[in-house]
Amino acid sequence: MNARIERLSTLIMAGGRGARLEPLTRDRAKPSVPFGGTYRIIDFTLSNCINSGIRRIHVLTQYKFDSLAHHLKMGWNIFHSEQGGYIDVIPAQQRLGQQWYRGTADAVYQNFYTLRREDPDFVLILAGDHVYKMDYSRMLQFHIETRSDVTVGVVDMPADQSIHFGVLETGPDGRILGFEEKPRRPKTIPGASDKIRASMGIYLFNAGVLYGELLPEALERGRNDFGKHVLPRLLKRRKVLCYPFEDENRGEEPYWRDIGTLDAFYAANMDLVSVSPRFNLYDRRWPVRTYQPQLPPVRTVMAHDVEGSTPGEVLDSILSGGCVVRGGRVVRSVLSPGVQVEARAVVEGSVLMDGVEVGRSARIRKAIIDKEVKIPAGAHIGYNLEQDRRSFMVTDSGVVVIPRGETLEPGWPEALRYRTVRGGEVLKRSLAR
């Protein structure tokens, strides 16, 4: 099987803007959004590749890729070139014309010169913005043994979620018969009317088939996406099979998450801090790699003041390196590196990214707070959503989202008001206690 893996080239699509994750994607591409304390979203796909034995990996970037490129340079420079392994970052280059990438298929087509140089037998195309554990070598073995031209990774999902996925119709032999993009009335799995077969955005091609389908004449203007355009075109003339998701997470039920919305992002983070975490980050058999800076250990401190002594308390939470809880309370939350929680502050059901500072007696509930935000003493976030909406984004499920770098300074004693300084612009904001 190792010999077959060596004849495989892998392309990871990591150029997506992630508009539904605004404001988290305001300064970064979706795959580089922090997740689970110390990770970036792309780390899960890359870790799957490494754990599957894949050593030739190209990451195709486009939208605001500087943060992603830096992360890959610092955390994923793990191969020696003389051994034939690499993780290569390829930004959009307009190599074949004046257009940037116009879809997943067009992104691959614009990098044909890379594939031709490697001359692989098989090409694996992956999305860089999903959280899951999967052994791609098993998919390759299935692809070879069934003599498939194209194999598509699929996962069973609730039928009421069909508007978020590409939905496949499959026959009893596993052949894909039809494809619909985000249908409101999907075709369900025979014998399971409450389930659909959703595409995972994983495509395994015989290289010759891929080249033939992505010739200039095959890529019509505006028809540049694998799921929407290339896959439906292939069904009538090629053997296209589905490969059911085999979960390496080994939980009670398969775990695969497309965290394309703020609510989905929040829910996936909360999966990590449930009493029995649905996604296991601690399985040394299937490690998840990332870049981790040199930071001191987590510290909890007994705070002493005129009101008495208060212990630092942490329950059902993830705390990353460099975090300090000085007499505050953290419950069911994910704290990224360097977060500071001061005396009598409470952080509950929230995701705090690198360098966030929570002031004395502040209270935060059900929030996502991006990097380097300073929450002033006494502030209340997530307790009055109508007031929160005047200053911040609040999702459909009531998650308050504060963008990166916001500096909130208390102003007036009669109400909790803030002067928010961002990019030289001063904005006055008001929130009730």
Protein backbone atom coordinates (compact mmCIF):
# COMPACT_ATOMS: atom_id res chain seq x y z
CA MET A 1 0.00 0.00 0.00
CA ASN A 2 2.92 2.37 0.66
CA ALA A 3 3.93 2.09 -2.98
CA ARG A 4 0.45 3.23 -4.01
CA ILE A 5 0.55 6.16 -1.58
CA GLU A 6 3.81 7.26 -3.17
CA ARG A 7 1.96 7.55 -6.50
CA LEU A 8 -0.61 9.90 -4.95
CA SER A 9 -0.58 13.71 -5.10
CA THR A 10 -2.81 15.64 -2.72
CA LEU A 11 -4.32 19.10 -3.19
CA ILE A 12 -5.94 20.87 -0.22
CA MET A 13 -8.38 23.65 -1.10
CA ALA A 14 -7.57 26.44 1.38
CA GLY A 15 -8.45 29.63 -0.48
CA GLY A 16 -12.02 30.04 0.71
CA ARG A 17 -13.14 33.40 2.02
CA GLY A 18 -15.56 31.95 4.57
CA ALA A 19 -18.03 34.82 4.42
CA ARG A 20 -20.43 33.08 6.82
CA LEU A 21 -17.68 33.10 9.47
CA GLU A 22 -17.34 36.88 9.45
CA PRO A 23 -15.91 38.59 11.47
CA LEU A 24 -13.52 35.69 12.25
CA THR A 25 -12.45 35.68 8.59
CA ARG A 26 -12.05 39.44 8.37
CA ASP A 27 -8.25 39.14 8.58
CA ARG A 28 -7.65 35.49 7.67
CA ALA A 29 -8.76 32.68 5.36
CA LYS A 30 -11.30 30.23 6.75
CA PRO A 31 -8.83 27.30 7.09
CA SER A 32 -6.59 29.42 9.34
CA VAL A 33 -9.32 30.35 11.85
CA PRO A 34 -8.25 29.21 15.35
CA PHE A 35 -10.15 26.23 16.74
CA GLY A 36 -10.07 24.19 19.92
CA GLY A 37 -7.59 26.40 21.74
CA THR A 38 -4.28 25.68 20.02
CA TYR A 39 -5.30 24.51 16.54
CA ARG A 40 -6.23 26.02 13.19
CA ILE A 41 -9.03 24.42 11.18
CA ILE A 42 -6.64 23.20 8.46
CA ASP A 43 -4.62 21.22 11.05
CA PHE A 44 -7.22 18.45 11.03
CA THR A 45 -7.01 17.81 7.29
CA LEU A 46 -3.21 18.01 7.35
CA SER A 47 -3.02 15.65 10.34
CA ASN A 48 -5.24 13.19 8.49
CA CYS A 49 -2.79 13.30 5.59
CA ILE A 50 0.25 12.67 7.78
CA ASN A 51 -1.48 9.90 9.75
CA SER A 52 -2.53 8.30 6.43
CA GLY A 53 1.07 8.16 5.19
CA ILE A 54 0.65 10.92 2.60
CA ARG A 55 3.83 12.91 2.02
CA ARG A 56 3.21 15.00 -1.14
CA ILE A 57 0.79 17.79 -0.22
CA HIS A 58 -0.04 21.05 -1.95
CA VAL A 59 -2.09 23.70 -0.15
CA LEU A 60 -3.87 25.97 -2.65
CA THR A 61 -4.44 29.42 -1.15
CA GLN A 62 -5.97 32.66 -2.34
CA TYR A 63 -7.96 34.82 0.09
CA LYS A 64 -5.86 36.58 2.80
CA PHE A 65 -3.41 33.71 2.99
CA ASP A 66 -0.66 35.42 5.02
CA SER A 67 -1.85 34.07 8.38
CA LEU A 68 -2.24 30.58 6.91
CA ALA A 69 1.17 30.65 5.22
CA HIS A 70 2.82 31.73 8.47
CA HIS A 71 1.11 28.95 10.41
CA LEU A 72 2.19 26.32 7.89
CA LYS A 73 5.75 27.62 7.88
CA MET A 74 6.00 27.57 11.69
CA GLY A 75 4.10 24.37 12.44
CA TRP A 76 4.23 22.18 9.35
CA ASN A 77 7.80 22.37 8.12
CA ILE A 78 8.20 18.71 9.03
CA PHE A 79 9.70 17.08 5.93
CA HIS A 80 13.23 17.00 4.55
CA SER A 81 13.26 17.70 0.82
CA GLU A 82 15.79 14.94 0.14
CA GLN A 83 13.29 12.39 1.46
CA GLY A 84 10.71 13.39 -1.14
CA GLY A 85 8.08 14.75 1.22
CA TYR A 86 6.74 18.30 1.34
CA ILE A 87 3.83 20.55 2.23
CA ASP A 88 3.89 23.14 -0.52
CA VAL A 89 1.90 26.39 -0.27
CA ILE A 90 0.72 27.55 -3.70
CA PRO A 91 -1.02 30.96 -3.84
CA ALA A 92 -3.21 31.88 -6.79
CA GLN A 93 -0.80 33.04 -9.51
CA GLN A 94 -2.94 33.82 -12.59
CA ARG A 95 -0.62 31.39 -14.35
CA LEU A 96 -3.07 30.59 -17.16
CA GLY A 97 -4.73 33.96 -17.57
CA GLN A 98 -5.97 37.05 -15.76
CA GLN A 99 -8.50 35.24 -13.56
CA TRP A 100 -8.09 34.22 -9.93
CA TYR A 101 -9.48 30.83 -8.88
CA ARG A 102 -13.13 30.68 -9.94
CA GLY A 103 -13.99 27.43 -8.17
CA THR A 104 -12.45 24.22 -6.88
CA ALA A 105 -12.06 22.65 -10.32
CA ASP A 106 -10.56 25.82 -11.76
CA ALA A 107 -8.06 25.93 -8.87
CA VAL A 108 -6.86 22.45 -9.78
CA TYR A 109 -6.75 23.28 -13.49
CA GLN A 110 -4.62 26.36 -12.84
CA ASN A 111 -2.09 24.12 -11.06
CA PHE A 112 -1.88 21.38 -13.70
CA TYR A 113 1.79 22.17 -14.22
CA THR A 114 2.47 20.99 -10.65
CA LEU A 115 0.63 17.72 -11.19
CA ARG A 116 2.26 17.10 -14.55
CA ARG A 117 5.66 17.59 -12.97
CA GLU A 118 4.89 15.02 -10.25
CA ASP A 119 3.23 12.61 -12.73
CA PRO A 120 1.01 10.83 -10.14
CA ASP A 121 -1.29 7.89 -10.78
CA PHE A 122 -3.92 9.31 -8.43
CA VAL A 123 -4.95 12.78 -7.27
CA LEU A 124 -6.69 13.36 -3.93
CA ILE A 125 -8.59 16.63 -3.54
CA LEU A 126 -9.49 17.74 -0.02
CA ALA A 127 -11.19 20.67 1.68
CA GLY A 128 -9.14 22.48 4.31
CA ASP A 129 -12.05 23.63 6.46
CA HIS A 130 -13.60 20.53 8.05
CA VAL A 131 -13.02 18.88 11.43
CA TYR A 132 -12.81 15.07 11.38
CA LYS A 133 -10.42 12.10 11.48
CA MET A 134 -10.06 9.87 8.43
CA ASP A 135 -7.50 7.47 6.98
CA TYR A 136 -7.23 8.42 3.31
CA SER A 137 -5.08 5.36 2.54
CA ARG A 138 -8.14 3.15 3.09
CA MET A 139 -10.07 5.24 0.58
CA LEU A 140 -7.24 4.82 -1.93
CA GLN A 141 -7.25 1.06 -1.41
CA PHE A 142 -11.02 0.98 -1.99
CA HIS A 143 -10.60 3.11 -5.12
CA ILE A 144 -8.00 0.71 -6.56
CA GLU A 145 -9.79 -2.51 -5.64
CA THR A 146 -13.11 -1.37 -7.15
CA ARG A 147 -11.41 -0.01 -10.30
CA SER A 148 -13.19 3.28 -9.82
CA ASP A 149 -12.49 6.30 -12.02
CA VAL A 150 -13.57 8.74 -9.32
CA THR A 151 -14.36 8.07 -5.67
CA VAL A 152 -16.24 10.59 -3.51
CA GLY A 153 -16.13 10.61 0.29
CA VAL A 154 -19.66 10.66 1.76
CA VAL A 155 -21.15 10.93 5.22
CA ASP A 156 -24.71 10.27 6.38
CA MET A 157 -26.40 13.40 7.75
CA PRO A 158 -29.92 14.34 8.96
CA ALA A 159 -32.21 15.08 6.03
CA ASP A 160 -33.25 18.43 7.52
CA GLN A 161 -29.66 19.62 7.03
CA SER A 162 -29.72 19.10 3.27
CA ILE A 163 -29.66 22.82 2.42
CA HIS A 164 -26.08 22.95 3.74
CA PHE A 165 -24.60 20.09 1.68
CA GLY A 166 -24.22 18.52 -1.71
CA VAL A 167 -26.56 15.48 -1.60
CA LEU A 168 -25.81 12.27 -3.51
CA GLU A 169 -28.18 9.63 -4.83
CA THR A 170 -26.48 6.23 -4.77
CA GLY A 171 -27.31 2.75 -6.02
CA PRO A 172 -27.01 -0.52 -4.08
CA ASP A 173 -23.56 -1.12 -5.60
CA GLY A 174 -22.25 2.21 -4.30
CA ARG A 175 -22.34 3.90 -7.69
CA ILE A 176 -23.36 7.56 -7.60
CA LEU A 177 -26.49 8.08 -9.70
CA GLY A 178 -27.25 11.73 -9.08
CA PHE A 179 -26.09 14.87 -7.32
CA GLU A 180 -27.95 17.93 -6.02
CA GLU A 181 -26.35 21.00 -4.48
CA LYS A 182 -28.08 22.07 -1.24
CA PRO A 183 -31.59 20.83 -2.13
CA ARG A 184 -34.60 21.71 0.02
CA ARG A 185 -36.29 18.42 -0.86
CA PRO A 186 -33.41 15.94 -1.00
CA LYS A 187 -33.42 12.34 -2.08
CA THR A 188 -32.93 10.35 1.10
CA ILE A 189 -31.14 7.07 1.73
CA PRO A 190 -33.34 4.07 0.81
CA GLY A 191 -34.76 2.63 4.00
CA ALA A 192 -33.78 5.73 6.02
CA SER A 193 -36.09 8.60 5.09
CA ASP A 194 -34.58 10.86 7.75
CA LYS A 195 -31.03 10.58 6.39
CA ILE A 196 -29.16 11.90 3.36
CA ARG A 197 -25.82 10.96 1.86
CA ALA A 198 -23.78 14.16 1.90
CA SER A 199 -20.59 14.87 0.01
CA MET A 200 -17.58 15.50 2.26
CA GLY A 201 -15.77 17.50 -0.42
CA ILE A 202 -13.25 14.66 -0.81
CA TYR A 203 -12.54 13.53 -4.38
CA LEU A 204 -10.09 10.82 -5.45
CA PHE A 205 -9.36 10.74 -9.20
CA ASN A 206 -7.39 8.57 -11.50
CA ALA A 207 -4.97 11.19 -12.81
CA GLY A 208 -5.83 10.59 -16.46
CA VAL A 209 -9.55 11.05 -15.77
CA LEU A 210 -8.88 14.30 -13.94
CA TYR A 211 -6.75 15.69 -16.77
CA GLY A 212 -9.42 14.83 -19.34
CA GLU A 213 -12.22 16.45 -17.37
CA LEU A 214 -10.35 19.68 -16.68
CA LEU A 215 -9.17 20.52 -20.19
CA PRO A 216 -9.98 24.11 -21.21
CA GLU A 217 -12.91 23.04 -23.38
CA ALA A 218 -14.35 21.00 -20.51
CA LEU A 219 -14.27 23.93 -18.10
CA GLU A 220 -16.93 26.19 -19.49
CA ARG A 221 -17.19 29.71 -18.14
CA GLY A 222 -18.98 29.69 -14.83
CA ARG A 223 -18.82 25.88 -14.50
CA ASN A 224 -15.70 25.52 -12.41
CA ASP A 225 -16.73 23.63 -9.28
CA PHE A 226 -16.26 19.89 -8.64
CA GLY A 227 -19.51 19.37 -6.77
CA LYS A 228 -21.79 21.54 -8.86
CA HIS A 229 -20.38 20.94 -12.33
CA VAL A 230 -17.65 18.33 -12.80
CA LEU A 231 -19.18 15.53 -10.73
CA PRO A 232 -22.64 15.61 -12.39
CA ARG A 233 -20.96 15.63 -15.81
CA LEU A 234 -18.95 12.54 -14.93
CA LEU A 235 -21.81 10.35 -13.76
CA LYS A 236 -22.98 9.29 -17.22
CA ARG A 237 -19.63 8.35 -18.68
CA ARG A 238 -17.36 7.32 -15.80
CA LYS A 239 -17.45 4.89 -12.89
CA VAL A 240 -18.05 7.18 -9.93
CA LEU A 241 -18.39 5.48 -6.55
CA CYS A 242 -19.09 6.73 -3.05
CA TYR A 243 -16.82 5.89 -0.15
CA PRO A 244 -18.68 5.89 3.21
CA PHE A 245 -16.87 7.82 5.91
CA GLU A 246 -14.80 5.60 8.21
CA ASP A 247 -14.27 7.58 11.39
CA GLU A 248 -10.90 7.35 13.16
CA ASN A 249 -12.32 9.33 16.08
CA ARG A 250 -13.95 6.11 17.32
CA GLY A 251 -16.76 7.79 19.22
CA GLU A 252 -20.32 6.61 19.70
CA GLU A 253 -21.25 8.12 16.33
CA PRO A 254 -19.18 9.35 13.37
CA TYR A 255 -17.83 12.87 13.82
CA TRP A 256 -17.48 15.13 10.78
CA ARG A 257 -18.18 18.85 11.00
CA ASP A 258 -18.35 21.50 8.32
CA ILE A 259 -17.89 24.55 10.54
CA GLY A 260 -18.87 27.03 7.88
CA THR A 261 -21.09 29.21 10.07
CA LEU A 262 -20.51 30.95 13.38
CA ASP A 263 -23.11 28.77 15.11
CA ALA A 264 -21.50 25.60 13.71
CA PHE A 265 -18.07 26.86 14.76
CA TYR A 266 -19.32 27.55 18.28
CA ALA A 267 -21.08 24.18 18.55
CA ALA A 268 -17.97 22.28 17.41
CA ASN A 269 -15.87 24.03 20.06
CA MET A 270 -18.46 23.16 22.70
CA ASP A 271 -18.24 19.51 21.58
CA LEU A 272 -14.69 19.56 22.92
CA VAL A 273 -15.67 20.56 26.47
CA SER A 274 -18.75 18.42 27.02
CA VAL A 275 -18.57 15.95 29.92
CA SER A 276 -17.81 13.20 27.39
CA PRO A 277 -16.13 15.09 24.50
CA ARG A 278 -17.61 14.07 21.15
CA PHE A 279 -14.29 14.72 19.41
CA ASN A 280 -11.17 13.23 20.99
CA LEU A 281 -8.07 15.43 20.89
CA TYR A 282 -6.18 13.14 23.27
CA ASP A 283 -5.87 9.98 21.16
CA ARG A 284 -2.12 9.44 20.73
CA ARG A 285 -2.85 6.79 18.10
CA TRP A 286 -4.21 9.54 15.81
CA PRO A 287 -2.44 12.76 16.86
CA VAL A 288 -3.52 16.19 15.65
CA ARG A 289 -0.47 18.35 14.90
CA THR A 290 -0.26 22.12 15.06
CA TYR A 291 2.15 24.98 15.72
CA GLN A 292 2.52 25.73 19.40
CA PRO A 293 4.68 28.67 20.55
CA GLN A 294 6.93 28.38 23.59
CA LEU A 295 4.68 29.40 26.48
CA PRO A 296 4.65 28.84 30.24
CA PRO A 297 2.20 26.32 31.76
CA VAL A 298 -1.40 27.16 32.64
CA ARG A 299 -1.73 28.82 36.04
CA THR A 300 -4.65 29.35 38.43
CA VAL A 301 -4.17 31.90 41.21
CA MET A 302 -5.91 32.71 44.52
CA ALA A 303 -6.76 36.41 44.27
CA HIS A 304 -6.70 38.57 47.43
CA ASP A 305 -8.41 41.95 47.66
CA VAL A 306 -10.56 44.04 50.00
CA GLU A 307 -13.53 41.79 49.23
CA GLY A 308 -11.65 38.72 50.43
CA SER A 309 -9.90 35.80 48.75
CA THR A 310 -11.14 34.20 45.55
CA PRO A 311 -9.66 31.00 44.05
CA GLY A 312 -9.10 30.59 40.33
CA GLU A 313 -11.58 27.92 39.26
CA VAL A 314 -11.77 25.95 36.00
CA LEU A 315 -14.49 23.39 35.20
CA ASP A 316 -15.04 21.32 32.02
CA SER A 317 -12.80 23.58 29.95
CA ILE A 318 -9.75 23.60 27.68
CA LEU A 319 -6.96 25.99 28.69
CA SER A 320 -3.98 26.47 26.38
CA GLY A 321 -0.40 27.35 27.30
CA GLY A 322 0.20 30.70 28.95
CA CYS A 323 -3.35 31.08 30.29
CA VAL A 324 -3.71 32.60 33.78
CA VAL A 325 -6.92 32.52 35.83
CA ARG A 326 -6.43 34.96 38.73
CA GLY A 327 -9.37 34.33 41.00
CA GLY A 328 -11.82 34.11 38.11
CA ARG A 329 -14.13 31.26 37.13
CA VAL A 330 -14.04 29.45 33.76
CA VAL A 331 -16.80 26.94 32.94
CA ARG A 332 -17.36 24.91 29.72
CA SER A 333 -15.09 27.19 27.71
CA VAL A 334 -12.16 27.02 25.29
CA LEU A 335 -9.27 29.38 26.04
CA SER A 336 -6.48 29.86 23.50
CA PRO A 337 -2.87 30.68 24.43
CA GLY A 338 -2.19 33.64 26.69
CA VAL A 339 -5.76 34.36 27.85
CA GLN A 340 -5.98 36.25 31.17
CA VAL A 341 -9.04 36.05 33.46
CA GLU A 342 -8.97 38.44 36.44
CA ALA A 343 -10.49 38.22 39.92
CA ARG A 344 -14.23 37.51 40.23
CA ALA A 345 -14.66 37.41 36.45
CA VAL A 346 -16.83 34.61 35.03
CA VAL A 347 -16.38 33.03 31.59
CA GLU A 348 -19.07 30.50 30.74
CA GLY A 349 -19.77 28.57 27.52
CA SER A 350 -17.41 30.75 25.50
CA VAL A 351 -14.49 30.61 23.06
CA LEU A 352 -11.66 33.07 23.81
CA MET A 353 -8.82 33.31 21.32
CA ASP A 354 -5.16 34.26 21.80
CA GLY A 355 -4.34 37.07 24.18
CA VAL A 356 -7.87 37.95 25.27
CA GLU A 357 -7.94 39.77 28.62
CA VAL A 358 -11.03 39.57 30.83
CA GLY A 359 -11.11 42.31 33.44
CA ARG A 360 -12.06 42.10 37.08
CA SER A 361 -15.72 41.13 37.77
CA ALA A 362 -16.52 40.97 34.05
CA ARG A 363 -19.03 38.33 33.00
CA ILE A 364 -19.01 36.60 29.61
CA ARG A 365 -21.57 34.03 28.52
CA LYS A 366 -22.01 32.22 25.19
CA ALA A 367 -19.54 34.31 23.23
CA ILE A 368 -16.77 34.01 20.65
CA ILE A 369 -14.06 36.60 21.28
CA ASP A 370 -11.31 36.87 18.69
CA LYS A 371 -7.64 37.57 19.38
CA GLU A 372 -6.28 40.36 21.59
CA VAL A 373 -9.64 41.74 22.74
CA LYS A 374 -9.61 43.49 26.12
CA ILE A 375 -12.83 43.15 28.14
CA PRO A 376 -12.91 45.89 30.81
CA ALA A 377 -13.73 45.40 34.47
CA GLY A 378 -17.41 44.90 35.18
CA ALA A 379 -18.47 44.35 31.56
CA HIS A 380 -21.34 41.97 30.82
CA ILE A 381 -21.29 40.16 27.46
CA GLY A 382 -24.04 37.71 26.49
CA TYR A 383 -26.55 38.67 29.18
CA ASN A 384 -28.58 41.24 27.25
CA LEU A 385 -28.59 40.30 23.57
CA GLU A 386 -30.57 43.34 22.47
CA GLN A 387 -27.90 45.59 23.92
CA ASP A 388 -25.14 43.38 22.53
CA ARG A 389 -26.57 43.66 19.01
CA ARG A 390 -26.01 47.43 19.09
CA SER A 391 -22.27 46.86 19.17
CA PHE A 392 -21.49 43.32 18.04
CA MET A 393 -22.71 40.51 15.84
CA VAL A 394 -25.14 38.10 17.54
CA THR A 395 -25.88 34.82 15.75
CA ASP A 396 -29.27 33.17 15.29
CA SER A 397 -28.64 30.95 18.32
CA GLY A 398 -27.59 33.87 20.51
CA VAL A 399 -23.79 33.69 20.33
CA VAL A 400 -22.12 37.09 20.72
CA VAL A 401 -19.10 37.54 18.41
CA ILE A 402 -16.47 40.21 19.09
CA PRO A 403 -13.94 40.87 16.30
CA ARG A 404 -10.18 40.72 16.62
CA GLY A 405 -8.30 43.56 18.30
CA GLU A 406 -11.29 45.38 19.82
CA THR A 407 -10.25 47.57 22.78
CA LEU A 408 -13.19 48.24 25.09
CA GLU A 409 -12.57 50.94 27.66
CA PRO A 410 -15.09 51.91 30.40
CA GLY A 411 -16.13 55.52 30.13
CA TRP A 412 -19.05 56.78 32.14
CA PRO A 413 -20.23 55.65 35.61
CA GLU A 414 -23.98 55.85 34.97
CA ALA A 415 -23.85 53.01 32.40
CA LEU A 416 -21.20 50.73 31.03
CA ARG A 417 -20.04 52.48 27.87
CA TYR A 418 -17.08 51.82 25.67
CA ARG A 419 -14.82 53.65 23.35
CA THR A 420 -13.81 51.11 20.74
CA VAL A 421 -10.60 51.90 18.91
CA ARG A 422 -9.94 49.91 15.72
CA GLY A 423 -7.75 50.89 12.81
CA GLY A 424 -7.56 54.52 13.91
CA GLU A 425 -11.35 54.93 14.01
CA VAL A 426 -13.00 55.75 17.33
CA LEU A 427 -16.53 54.45 17.86
CA LYS A 428 -18.69 55.11 20.92
CA ARG A 429 -20.67 52.12 22.13
CA SER A 430 -22.94 51.46 25.03
CA LEU A 431 -23.89 48.23 26.79
CA ALA A 432 -26.07 47.85 29.88
CA ARG A 433 -24.80 46.04 32.94
